[in-house]
N, C-alpha and C. Protein backbone atom coordinates (compact mmCIF):
# COMPACT_ATOMS: atom_id res chain seq x y z
N MET A 1 61.78 41.03 -83.46
CA MET A 1 60.81 41.68 -84.36
C MET A 1 59.51 40.55 -84.30
N GLN A 2 58.49 41.79 -84.43
CA GLN A 2 57.20 41.38 -83.58
C GLN A 2 56.64 40.53 -85.85
N HIS A 3 55.97 39.97 -85.06
CA HIS A 3 54.74 38.58 -86.08
C HIS A 3 53.93 39.84 -86.42
N PRO A 4 54.37 38.84 -88.25
CA PRO A 4 53.32 39.91 -88.54
C PRO A 4 51.94 40.18 -88.33
N LEU A 5 51.60 38.91 -87.77
CA LEU A 5 49.95 38.54 -86.90
C LEU A 5 49.05 38.98 -86.05
N GLN A 6 50.63 39.23 -85.32
CA GLN A 6 49.95 40.10 -84.22
C GLN A 6 50.05 41.29 -84.12
N SER A 7 50.04 42.38 -85.41
CA SER A 7 49.50 43.91 -85.27
C SER A 7 49.06 43.63 -85.77
N ALA A 8 48.40 42.83 -86.71
CA ALA A 8 46.94 42.72 -86.65
C ALA A 8 45.77 42.36 -86.24
N THR A 9 46.17 42.22 -84.86
CA THR A 9 45.23 41.21 -83.67
C THR A 9 45.06 42.42 -82.76
N PRO A 10 43.29 42.65 -82.48
CA PRO A 10 42.89 44.11 -81.71
C PRO A 10 43.58 43.93 -80.96
N VAL A 11 43.39 44.65 -79.59
CA VAL A 11 43.52 44.86 -78.11
C VAL A 11 42.98 46.03 -77.26
N SER A 12 41.79 45.15 -76.64
CA SER A 12 41.15 45.33 -75.63
C SER A 12 41.75 46.39 -74.88
N GLY A 13 40.65 47.21 -74.05
CA GLY A 13 41.56 48.89 -73.79
C GLY A 13 41.61 49.07 -72.62
N ASP A 14 42.58 47.55 -71.69
CA ASP A 14 42.59 47.08 -70.99
C ASP A 14 44.51 45.66 -71.56
N GLY A 15 44.51 46.29 -72.77
CA GLY A 15 46.14 46.10 -73.57
C GLY A 15 45.73 44.62 -73.40
N ARG A 16 44.54 43.77 -73.72
CA ARG A 16 44.54 42.34 -74.07
C ARG A 16 44.16 42.28 -75.25
N ARG A 17 44.57 41.48 -75.79
CA ARG A 17 44.63 40.65 -77.30
C ARG A 17 43.28 39.99 -77.81
N VAL A 18 42.20 40.47 -78.13
CA VAL A 18 41.09 39.74 -78.03
C VAL A 18 41.55 38.92 -79.59
N ALA A 19 39.96 38.67 -80.01
CA ALA A 19 39.59 37.75 -81.52
C ALA A 19 38.81 39.16 -82.06
N PRO A 20 39.06 39.28 -83.13
CA PRO A 20 38.42 40.25 -83.69
C PRO A 20 36.63 40.18 -83.95
N GLY A 21 35.33 40.93 -83.61
CA GLY A 21 34.49 41.15 -83.18
C GLY A 21 34.18 39.71 -82.29
N TRP A 22 35.47 40.20 -81.25
CA TRP A 22 34.49 39.17 -80.68
C TRP A 22 33.86 39.78 -79.17
N ASP A 23 33.63 40.21 -77.93
CA ASP A 23 33.09 40.85 -77.22
C ASP A 23 33.82 39.97 -75.92
N ASP A 24 34.58 40.28 -74.66
CA ASP A 24 35.28 39.24 -73.82
C ASP A 24 34.11 39.57 -72.33
N ASP A 25 34.16 41.41 -72.70
CA ASP A 25 33.62 41.22 -71.47
C ASP A 25 32.02 40.80 -71.37
N GLY A 26 31.61 40.79 -72.85
CA GLY A 26 29.56 40.68 -73.03
C GLY A 26 28.89 41.84 -72.21
N VAL A 27 29.37 43.21 -73.18
CA VAL A 27 29.33 44.97 -72.70
C VAL A 27 29.35 45.65 -73.98
N ASP A 28 27.75 46.23 -74.51
CA ASP A 28 27.25 46.15 -75.44
C ASP A 28 28.56 47.70 -75.66
N GLU A 29 28.47 48.73 -76.75
CA GLU A 29 28.49 49.40 -76.49
C GLU A 29 28.66 51.26 -75.61
N GLY A 30 27.13 50.79 -75.60
CA GLY A 30 26.44 51.68 -74.70
C GLY A 30 27.65 51.31 -73.07
N GLY A 31 28.38 50.54 -73.38
CA GLY A 31 28.61 49.62 -71.34
C GLY A 31 26.73 48.82 -70.42
N GLU A 32 26.63 48.72 -71.45
CA GLU A 32 24.87 47.82 -70.99
C GLU A 32 25.59 46.09 -71.85
N SER A 33 25.23 46.31 -70.18
CA SER A 33 25.69 43.69 -70.51
C SER A 33 24.42 43.82 -71.58
N SER A 34 25.05 43.03 -72.79
CA SER A 34 23.67 42.69 -73.78
C SER A 34 23.85 41.44 -73.28
N PHE A 35 23.36 40.87 -71.66
CA PHE A 35 22.63 39.30 -71.70
C PHE A 35 22.44 39.94 -70.82
N LYS A 36 20.86 39.57 -70.74
CA LYS A 36 19.63 39.47 -69.84
C LYS A 36 18.76 38.27 -68.61
N PRO A 37 19.62 37.91 -68.11
CA PRO A 37 18.47 36.65 -67.35
C PRO A 37 17.52 36.26 -67.84
N LEU A 38 16.46 35.79 -68.63
CA LEU A 38 14.99 35.16 -67.88
C LEU A 38 14.65 35.52 -66.47
N SER A 39 13.33 35.25 -66.93
CA SER A 39 12.55 35.33 -65.64
C SER A 39 11.75 34.60 -65.02
N PRO A 40 12.09 34.07 -64.00
CA PRO A 40 11.04 32.78 -64.43
C PRO A 40 9.56 32.42 -64.79
N ASP A 41 9.31 33.80 -64.92
CA ASP A 41 7.44 34.03 -65.42
C ASP A 41 7.43 33.59 -67.70
N GLU A 42 9.04 34.23 -67.24
CA GLU A 42 9.62 34.79 -68.84
C GLU A 42 10.46 32.48 -70.05
N ALA A 43 10.74 32.42 -69.32
CA ALA A 43 11.33 30.74 -69.11
C ALA A 43 9.90 30.26 -68.76
N ALA A 44 9.41 29.75 -68.30
CA ALA A 44 7.91 29.08 -68.43
C ALA A 44 7.85 29.51 -69.59
N GLN A 45 7.28 30.47 -70.56
CA GLN A 45 7.05 31.30 -71.09
C GLN A 45 7.54 30.80 -73.02
N TRP A 46 8.49 30.73 -72.61
CA TRP A 46 9.42 30.63 -74.12
C TRP A 46 9.90 29.44 -73.46
N ARG A 47 9.32 27.60 -72.78
CA ARG A 47 9.04 26.47 -72.89
C ARG A 47 8.19 26.67 -73.56
N GLN A 48 6.85 26.64 -72.98
CA GLN A 48 5.89 27.19 -74.26
C GLN A 48 5.68 27.42 -74.83
N ARG A 49 6.37 28.07 -75.75
CA ARG A 49 6.68 28.74 -77.00
C ARG A 49 7.73 27.77 -77.84
N HIS A 50 8.38 27.03 -77.56
CA HIS A 50 9.13 26.10 -77.63
C HIS A 50 8.84 24.87 -76.96
N PRO A 51 7.85 23.86 -77.20
CA PRO A 51 7.75 22.27 -76.80
C PRO A 51 8.48 21.74 -77.06
N ALA A 52 9.14 20.61 -76.65
CA ALA A 52 10.57 19.74 -76.58
C ALA A 52 10.05 18.16 -77.35
N LEU A 53 10.46 17.71 -78.21
CA LEU A 53 10.43 17.10 -79.19
C LEU A 53 10.33 15.87 -78.81
N SER A 54 9.78 14.86 -78.71
CA SER A 54 9.54 13.92 -78.05
C SER A 54 10.24 12.67 -78.80
N VAL A 55 11.40 12.24 -78.25
CA VAL A 55 12.53 10.93 -79.24
C VAL A 55 11.23 9.38 -79.64
N TRP A 56 9.40 9.68 -78.88
CA TRP A 56 8.49 8.68 -79.54
C TRP A 56 8.18 9.21 -81.15
N HIS A 57 8.90 10.29 -81.11
CA HIS A 57 7.94 11.28 -82.19
C HIS A 57 9.21 10.91 -82.84
N VAL A 58 10.59 10.74 -83.25
CA VAL A 58 11.88 10.72 -83.34
C VAL A 58 11.62 9.54 -84.20
N VAL A 59 11.17 8.62 -83.52
CA VAL A 59 11.19 6.93 -83.65
C VAL A 59 10.07 6.39 -84.51
N GLY A 60 8.83 7.63 -84.38
CA GLY A 60 7.42 7.14 -85.58
C GLY A 60 7.55 8.18 -86.66
N TRP A 61 8.83 8.76 -87.45
CA TRP A 61 9.38 8.95 -88.10
C TRP A 61 9.87 8.31 -89.18
N GLN A 62 10.99 8.13 -88.20
CA GLN A 62 11.89 6.36 -88.92
C GLN A 62 11.31 5.22 -88.77
N ALA A 63 10.35 4.84 -88.21
CA ALA A 63 9.46 4.30 -89.13
C ALA A 63 8.70 4.87 -90.32
N LEU A 64 8.02 5.38 -90.14
CA LEU A 64 7.07 5.97 -91.32
C LEU A 64 8.30 5.70 -92.61
N VAL A 65 9.59 6.84 -92.47
CA VAL A 65 10.35 6.44 -93.23
C VAL A 65 11.11 5.35 -94.17
N TRP A 66 11.07 3.96 -93.30
CA TRP A 66 11.50 3.14 -93.57
C TRP A 66 10.30 2.07 -94.29
N GLY A 67 9.45 2.38 -93.44
CA GLY A 67 8.29 1.77 -94.41
C GLY A 67 7.92 2.29 -96.04
N LEU A 68 8.59 3.54 -95.59
CA LEU A 68 7.66 3.77 -97.17
C LEU A 68 9.18 3.48 -98.37
N SER A 69 10.29 3.28 -97.80
CA SER A 69 11.82 2.78 -98.55
C SER A 69 11.81 1.50 -98.65
N VAL A 70 11.03 0.50 -97.82
CA VAL A 70 10.18 -0.82 -97.94
C VAL A 70 9.31 -0.91 -98.88
N ALA A 71 8.84 -0.09 -98.95
CA ALA A 71 7.51 -0.57 -100.26
C ALA A 71 7.52 0.27 -101.26
N LEU A 72 8.42 0.98 -101.68
CA LEU A 72 9.00 1.89 -103.13
C LEU A 72 9.58 0.63 -103.39
N THR A 73 10.84 0.75 -102.78
CA THR A 73 11.87 -0.91 -102.87
C THR A 73 10.92 -2.01 -104.02
N ALA A 74 9.82 -2.23 -102.28
CA ALA A 74 9.18 -3.94 -103.22
C ALA A 74 8.69 -3.79 -104.74
N ALA A 75 8.27 -2.11 -104.66
CA ALA A 75 6.90 -1.83 -106.06
C ALA A 75 8.45 -2.04 -107.40
N LEU A 76 9.37 -1.38 -106.84
CA LEU A 76 10.66 -1.55 -108.14
C LEU A 76 10.70 -2.78 -108.35
N VAL A 77 11.18 -3.40 -107.80
CA VAL A 77 12.00 -4.74 -107.68
C VAL A 77 10.13 -5.48 -108.55
N VAL A 78 9.11 -5.40 -107.94
CA VAL A 78 8.16 -6.51 -109.22
C VAL A 78 7.70 -5.86 -109.87
N LEU A 79 8.22 -4.54 -110.47
CA LEU A 79 7.59 -3.68 -111.89
C LEU A 79 8.97 -3.70 -112.99
N TRP A 80 10.41 -4.37 -112.47
CA TRP A 80 11.50 -3.55 -113.19
C TRP A 80 12.54 -4.74 -112.84
N TRP A 81 12.56 -5.71 -111.34
CA TRP A 81 13.39 -6.40 -111.19
C TRP A 81 13.03 -7.06 -110.33
N PRO A 82 12.13 -8.28 -110.64
CA PRO A 82 12.13 -9.63 -110.15
C PRO A 82 12.81 -10.41 -109.86
N HIS A 83 14.27 -10.97 -110.25
CA HIS A 83 14.22 -11.52 -109.94
C HIS A 83 15.46 -10.36 -108.30
N LYS A 84 15.49 -9.70 -108.54
CA LYS A 84 16.25 -8.68 -107.35
C LYS A 84 15.26 -8.98 -105.59
N GLY A 85 13.99 -9.66 -105.72
CA GLY A 85 13.61 -9.45 -104.22
C GLY A 85 14.24 -9.65 -103.27
N VAL A 86 16.13 -10.18 -103.03
CA VAL A 86 16.58 -9.67 -101.93
C VAL A 86 17.30 -8.59 -101.94
N TRP A 87 16.76 -7.45 -102.95
CA TRP A 87 16.86 -6.09 -102.22
C TRP A 87 16.37 -5.53 -101.27
N VAL A 88 14.51 -6.01 -101.68
CA VAL A 88 13.84 -5.76 -100.73
C VAL A 88 13.86 -5.54 -99.25
N SER A 89 13.98 -7.72 -98.65
CA SER A 89 15.24 -7.91 -97.64
C SER A 89 15.68 -7.45 -97.31
N SER A 90 16.28 -6.86 -98.23
CA SER A 90 18.26 -6.74 -97.39
C SER A 90 17.95 -4.89 -96.93
N LEU A 91 17.41 -4.57 -97.51
CA LEU A 91 17.24 -2.76 -97.45
C LEU A 91 15.62 -3.19 -96.01
N ALA A 92 14.78 -3.73 -96.22
CA ALA A 92 14.22 -3.87 -95.07
C ALA A 92 14.80 -4.25 -93.09
N TYR A 93 16.26 -5.07 -93.95
CA TYR A 93 16.85 -5.57 -92.54
C TYR A 93 17.81 -4.50 -91.99
N GLY A 94 18.02 -4.18 -92.63
CA GLY A 94 19.39 -2.63 -92.80
C GLY A 94 18.01 -1.56 -92.08
N GLY A 95 17.28 -1.54 -92.38
CA GLY A 95 16.57 -0.47 -91.87
C GLY A 95 15.99 -0.75 -90.18
N ALA A 96 15.79 -2.02 -90.05
CA ALA A 96 15.37 -2.23 -89.17
C ALA A 96 16.15 -2.64 -87.11
N ALA A 97 17.40 -2.20 -88.87
CA ALA A 97 18.41 -2.77 -87.55
C ALA A 97 19.39 -1.44 -87.32
N ALA A 98 18.40 -0.53 -87.90
CA ALA A 98 18.71 1.13 -87.62
C ALA A 98 17.78 1.58 -85.80
N LEU A 99 16.65 0.77 -86.49
CA LEU A 99 15.00 1.85 -86.44
C LEU A 99 14.57 0.59 -84.86
N LEU A 100 15.07 -0.73 -84.57
CA LEU A 100 14.54 -1.40 -83.70
C LEU A 100 15.41 -1.21 -82.19
N PRO A 101 17.02 -0.42 -82.58
CA PRO A 101 17.33 0.00 -81.10
C PRO A 101 17.54 1.01 -81.25
N ALA A 102 16.53 1.85 -81.87
CA ALA A 102 16.45 3.37 -81.29
C ALA A 102 15.42 2.94 -80.55
N ALA A 103 14.74 2.15 -81.72
CA ALA A 103 13.14 2.18 -80.66
C ALA A 103 13.33 1.75 -78.64
N LEU A 104 13.88 0.89 -78.62
CA LEU A 104 14.65 0.53 -77.66
C LEU A 104 15.56 0.96 -76.72
N MET A 105 15.66 2.10 -77.32
CA MET A 105 17.19 3.08 -76.46
C MET A 105 15.81 4.15 -76.12
N ALA A 106 14.72 4.44 -77.59
CA ALA A 106 13.00 5.40 -76.20
C ALA A 106 12.90 5.19 -75.47
N TRP A 107 12.82 3.63 -75.52
CA TRP A 107 12.17 3.15 -74.57
C TRP A 107 13.13 2.84 -72.70
N GLY A 108 14.05 2.82 -73.27
CA GLY A 108 14.95 3.15 -71.98
C GLY A 108 14.60 4.79 -70.90
N MET A 109 15.01 5.34 -72.66
CA MET A 109 15.35 6.67 -71.75
C MET A 109 14.15 6.66 -70.95
N THR A 110 12.21 6.21 -71.66
CA THR A 110 11.42 7.57 -71.26
C THR A 110 10.21 6.54 -70.21
N SER A 111 10.39 4.86 -71.01
CA SER A 111 9.55 4.06 -70.06
C SER A 111 9.75 2.53 -69.21
N SER A 112 11.01 2.46 -69.66
CA SER A 112 11.22 1.67 -68.43
C SER A 112 11.65 1.70 -67.06
N ALA A 113 11.40 0.66 -65.95
CA ALA A 113 10.97 0.79 -64.95
C ALA A 113 12.19 1.77 -64.15
N TRP A 114 14.08 1.81 -64.69
CA TRP A 114 14.85 2.56 -64.59
C TRP A 114 14.12 4.16 -64.32
N ALA A 115 13.91 4.32 -65.51
CA ALA A 115 13.82 5.83 -66.37
C ALA A 115 12.17 5.97 -65.19
N ARG A 116 12.00 5.14 -65.34
CA ARG A 116 10.52 6.19 -64.03
C ARG A 116 11.41 6.53 -62.55
N TRP A 117 12.21 5.84 -62.40
CA TRP A 117 12.46 5.40 -61.04
C TRP A 117 13.34 6.64 -61.15
N LEU A 118 13.99 6.80 -61.59
CA LEU A 118 15.11 8.14 -61.93
C LEU A 118 14.65 9.29 -61.83
N ARG A 119 13.38 9.21 -63.05
CA ARG A 119 12.52 10.82 -61.86
C ARG A 119 11.66 11.04 -61.73
N ALA A 120 11.63 9.45 -60.43
CA ALA A 120 10.68 9.96 -59.32
C ALA A 120 12.24 9.96 -58.71
N ALA A 121 12.74 9.53 -58.17
CA ALA A 121 14.16 9.83 -57.16
C ALA A 121 14.96 10.92 -57.18
N ARG A 122 15.35 11.54 -58.41
CA ARG A 122 16.03 12.96 -58.99
C ARG A 122 15.58 13.22 -59.78
N PRO A 123 14.87 13.93 -60.03
CA PRO A 123 13.92 15.37 -60.62
C PRO A 123 14.78 15.90 -61.26
N GLY A 124 14.86 16.17 -62.80
CA GLY A 124 16.23 17.16 -62.71
C GLY A 124 17.40 16.95 -63.02
N GLN A 125 18.25 15.80 -61.82
CA GLN A 125 19.45 15.50 -61.92
C GLN A 125 19.84 15.70 -63.48
N ALA A 126 20.78 16.32 -63.92
CA ALA A 126 21.37 15.62 -65.07
C ALA A 126 22.80 15.22 -65.45
N ARG A 127 23.33 14.99 -64.67
CA ARG A 127 24.84 14.07 -63.68
C ARG A 127 23.02 12.67 -64.33
N ALA A 128 22.59 12.58 -63.47
CA ALA A 128 22.19 10.78 -63.82
C ALA A 128 20.81 10.89 -65.36
N SER A 129 20.99 12.02 -66.02
CA SER A 129 20.48 11.22 -66.97
C SER A 129 20.86 10.96 -68.28
N LEU A 130 22.74 12.32 -67.95
CA LEU A 130 23.20 11.95 -69.20
C LEU A 130 23.88 10.75 -68.87
N ALA A 131 24.24 9.82 -67.21
CA ALA A 131 24.17 8.51 -67.20
C ALA A 131 24.30 7.75 -68.13
N GLY A 132 22.49 6.93 -67.71
CA GLY A 132 21.80 6.82 -69.27
C GLY A 132 21.54 6.89 -70.41
N TRP A 133 21.94 8.53 -70.40
CA TRP A 133 21.59 8.41 -72.35
C TRP A 133 23.08 7.77 -72.68
N LEU A 134 23.52 8.03 -71.69
CA LEU A 134 25.50 6.70 -72.50
C LEU A 134 25.08 5.23 -72.26
N TRP A 135 25.06 5.16 -70.77
CA TRP A 135 23.77 3.78 -71.24
C TRP A 135 23.86 3.57 -72.16
N TRP A 136 22.38 3.56 -72.21
CA TRP A 136 21.25 3.22 -74.02
C TRP A 136 22.09 3.81 -74.82
N GLU A 137 22.10 4.39 -74.98
CA GLU A 137 22.84 4.84 -76.39
C GLU A 137 23.78 3.23 -77.30
N GLY A 138 24.76 3.46 -75.89
CA GLY A 138 26.13 2.24 -75.72
C GLY A 138 25.21 0.92 -76.49
N VAL A 139 24.10 1.04 -75.10
CA VAL A 139 23.45 -0.55 -76.07
C VAL A 139 22.35 -1.14 -77.01
N LYS A 140 22.30 0.65 -78.06
CA LYS A 140 21.70 0.74 -79.16
C LYS A 140 23.00 0.51 -80.07
N VAL A 141 24.24 1.59 -80.15
CA VAL A 141 25.41 0.85 -80.81
C VAL A 141 25.26 -0.50 -80.46
N LEU A 142 25.47 -1.07 -79.58
CA LEU A 142 25.77 -2.55 -79.48
C LEU A 142 24.89 -3.97 -80.49
N LEU A 143 23.60 -3.42 -80.00
CA LEU A 143 22.47 -3.84 -80.95
C LEU A 143 22.61 -3.41 -82.40
N THR A 144 22.69 -2.62 -82.99
CA THR A 144 23.09 -2.16 -84.01
C THR A 144 24.35 -3.03 -84.82
N LEU A 145 24.63 -2.99 -84.11
CA LEU A 145 26.82 -3.83 -84.61
C LEU A 145 26.04 -5.05 -85.04
N ALA A 146 25.19 -6.29 -83.70
CA ALA A 146 25.33 -7.17 -83.44
C ALA A 146 24.57 -7.56 -84.46
N LEU A 147 22.50 -6.76 -84.38
CA LEU A 147 22.32 -6.92 -85.95
C LEU A 147 23.00 -7.09 -87.17
N LEU A 148 23.67 -5.58 -87.14
CA LEU A 148 24.71 -6.00 -89.23
C LEU A 148 25.79 -6.94 -89.02
N TRP A 149 25.37 -7.80 -87.88
CA TRP A 149 26.76 -8.86 -87.63
C TRP A 149 26.35 -10.28 -88.46
N MET A 150 24.80 -10.13 -86.97
CA MET A 150 24.21 -11.69 -87.91
C MET A 150 23.49 -11.31 -88.84
N ALA A 151 23.35 -10.44 -90.25
CA ALA A 151 22.84 -10.09 -91.30
C ALA A 151 22.89 -11.68 -92.75
N PRO A 152 24.07 -12.23 -92.85
CA PRO A 152 24.74 -12.34 -93.61
C PRO A 152 23.81 -14.76 -93.13
N ARG A 153 23.75 -14.14 -91.82
CA ARG A 153 23.35 -15.38 -91.58
C ARG A 153 21.65 -15.17 -91.15
N TRP A 154 21.14 -14.39 -91.32
CA TRP A 154 19.16 -14.44 -91.40
C TRP A 154 19.10 -14.64 -92.56
N ILE A 155 19.77 -13.65 -93.18
CA ILE A 155 19.48 -13.26 -95.16
C ILE A 155 20.10 -14.40 -95.97
N PRO A 156 19.75 -15.06 -96.44
CA PRO A 156 20.75 -16.46 -97.34
C PRO A 156 20.46 -14.52 -99.02
N ASP A 157 21.77 -14.79 -99.55
CA ASP A 157 22.46 -13.89 -100.87
C ASP A 157 21.96 -11.84 -100.51
N LEU A 158 22.47 -11.81 -99.27
CA LEU A 158 22.57 -10.45 -98.60
C LEU A 158 22.64 -9.81 -99.99
N SER A 159 22.34 -8.45 -100.44
CA SER A 159 22.73 -7.47 -101.29
C SER A 159 23.60 -6.62 -99.85
N TRP A 160 24.53 -6.61 -99.06
CA TRP A 160 25.70 -5.35 -98.97
C TRP A 160 24.03 -3.33 -98.91
N PRO A 161 24.27 -3.30 -100.66
CA PRO A 161 24.01 -2.47 -100.79
C PRO A 161 23.45 -1.69 -100.24
N ALA A 162 22.11 -2.78 -100.92
CA ALA A 162 20.45 -1.94 -100.14
C ALA A 162 20.70 -2.61 -98.76
N LEU A 163 21.01 -3.00 -98.03
CA LEU A 163 21.03 -3.11 -96.31
C LEU A 163 22.05 -1.66 -95.46
N VAL A 164 22.85 -1.48 -96.54
CA VAL A 164 23.14 0.05 -95.78
C VAL A 164 22.67 1.11 -96.33
N VAL A 165 21.36 0.91 -98.12
CA VAL A 165 20.71 1.90 -98.37
C VAL A 165 19.78 2.59 -96.99
N GLY A 166 19.05 0.70 -96.38
CA GLY A 166 18.10 1.02 -95.47
C GLY A 166 18.42 1.01 -94.23
N LEU A 167 19.92 0.95 -93.76
CA LEU A 167 20.34 2.02 -92.61
C LEU A 167 20.62 3.33 -92.62
N VAL A 168 21.02 3.96 -93.81
CA VAL A 168 21.46 5.71 -93.29
C VAL A 168 20.20 5.84 -94.38
N VAL A 169 19.31 5.35 -94.89
CA VAL A 169 17.63 6.30 -94.65
C VAL A 169 17.60 6.33 -93.60
N VAL A 170 16.87 5.47 -92.15
CA VAL A 170 16.33 4.78 -91.71
C VAL A 170 17.23 6.37 -90.16
N LEU A 171 18.88 6.22 -90.16
CA LEU A 171 20.02 7.02 -89.66
C LEU A 171 19.22 8.06 -89.34
N LYS A 172 19.41 8.98 -90.86
CA LYS A 172 19.33 10.45 -90.65
C LYS A 172 17.75 11.00 -91.99
N SER A 173 16.46 9.99 -91.41
CA SER A 173 15.03 10.52 -90.86
C SER A 173 14.69 11.60 -90.19
N TYR A 174 16.20 11.11 -89.18
CA TYR A 174 15.40 11.92 -87.67
C TYR A 174 15.83 13.32 -88.07
N TRP A 175 15.83 13.73 -89.19
CA TRP A 175 15.53 15.61 -88.71
C TRP A 175 13.75 15.74 -89.18
N LEU A 176 13.32 14.71 -90.53
CA LEU A 176 11.75 15.29 -90.65
C LEU A 176 10.73 15.15 -89.62
N ALA A 177 11.47 14.54 -88.35
CA ALA A 177 10.59 14.63 -86.93
C ALA A 177 11.32 16.01 -86.50
N TRP A 178 12.50 16.97 -86.65
CA TRP A 178 12.31 18.06 -86.57
C TRP A 178 11.57 18.90 -86.62
N VAL A 179 11.81 19.11 -88.11
CA VAL A 179 10.65 19.83 -89.47
C VAL A 179 9.09 19.26 -88.67
N ALA A 180 8.62 18.14 -89.29
CA ALA A 180 8.16 18.08 -88.69
C ALA A 180 7.18 17.81 -87.79
N ARG A 181 7.91 18.53 -87.31
CA ARG A 181 8.04 18.66 -84.94
C ARG A 181 5.92 19.38 -84.77
N PRO A 182 5.39 19.04 -83.86
CA PRO A 182 3.74 19.54 -83.41
C PRO A 182 4.31 20.57 -83.01
N ALA A 183 2.98 21.96 -83.57
CA ALA A 183 3.50 23.23 -83.23
C ALA A 183 2.78 22.98 -81.55
N ALA A 184 3.11 24.69 -81.48
CA ALA A 184 3.48 24.57 -79.98
C ALA A 184 1.68 25.47 -79.84
N PRO A 185 1.26 24.89 -78.21
CA PRO A 185 -0.72 25.03 -78.80
C PRO A 185 -1.07 26.68 -79.02
N HIS A 186 -1.79 27.04 -78.91
CA HIS A 186 -2.30 28.50 -80.01
C HIS A 186 -1.86 28.84 -78.57
N ARG A 187 -2.00 30.42 -78.84
CA ARG A 187 -1.39 30.95 -77.84
C ARG A 187 -2.24 33.03 -78.37
N SER A 188 -2.97 33.51 -77.22
CA SER A 188 -4.10 34.61 -76.95
C SER A 188 -2.61 35.77 -77.83
N ALA A 189 -2.75 36.97 -78.17
CA ALA A 189 -2.48 37.42 -78.34
C ALA A 189 -1.13 38.65 -77.03
N SER A 190 -2.43 38.16 -76.25
CA SER A 190 -1.61 39.14 -74.71
C SER A 190 -0.69 38.29 -74.27
N SER A 191 -0.42 37.16 -74.55
CA SER A 191 0.06 36.37 -73.73
C SER A 191 1.58 36.19 -74.80
N GLU A 192 1.58 37.01 -75.59
CA GLU A 192 3.36 37.48 -76.13
C GLU A 192 3.82 37.91 -75.34
N THR A 193 5.32 37.96 -75.12
CA THR A 193 6.09 38.00 -74.16
C THR A 193 7.21 38.58 -74.57
N LEU A 194 7.90 38.30 -74.24
CA LEU A 194 10.25 38.37 -74.46
C LEU A 194 10.21 39.70 -75.05
N LYS A 195 10.64 40.60 -75.07
CA LYS A 195 10.32 41.84 -76.29
C LYS A 195 12.41 42.26 -75.73
């Protein structure tokens, strides 16, 4: 006896079962391949229209959001809760526990002597780039954990909720860098390609 779902599964021309709406062959209805690789010129034009986002741009936005959140918290504490000054220091410390390791990772990936050597010795080698990213991501996580572990020792009467808010606000502000990323350089109408 056949399972009820097996009869509903579409079958390709050569008898293979395929997922509904999925084209395993990469061929459209006219028999033409729907995938067309870019030429080197087209790839260069695509890169020009879609510039890479700098990691320093992300860190800058995180620092801006951190500073604004600390200033807003300080203003609220001064105006309405003068006896809760520890909220400001806890929030500032939480944001710094995310921002400082991120800045260290950005420096390590872009400006350290090791990163400069790697770019010169092995340009475009993905394996070396991945290894560097994994190393600096590990350093970032360990430094963040160490800073959070030290928080009660460095801030008397620490407010954990304020610290967590500062940490989360800075960690989640990276999307602002994506939204406000610099536009591609202005192009003339004749340089519009990729049809």
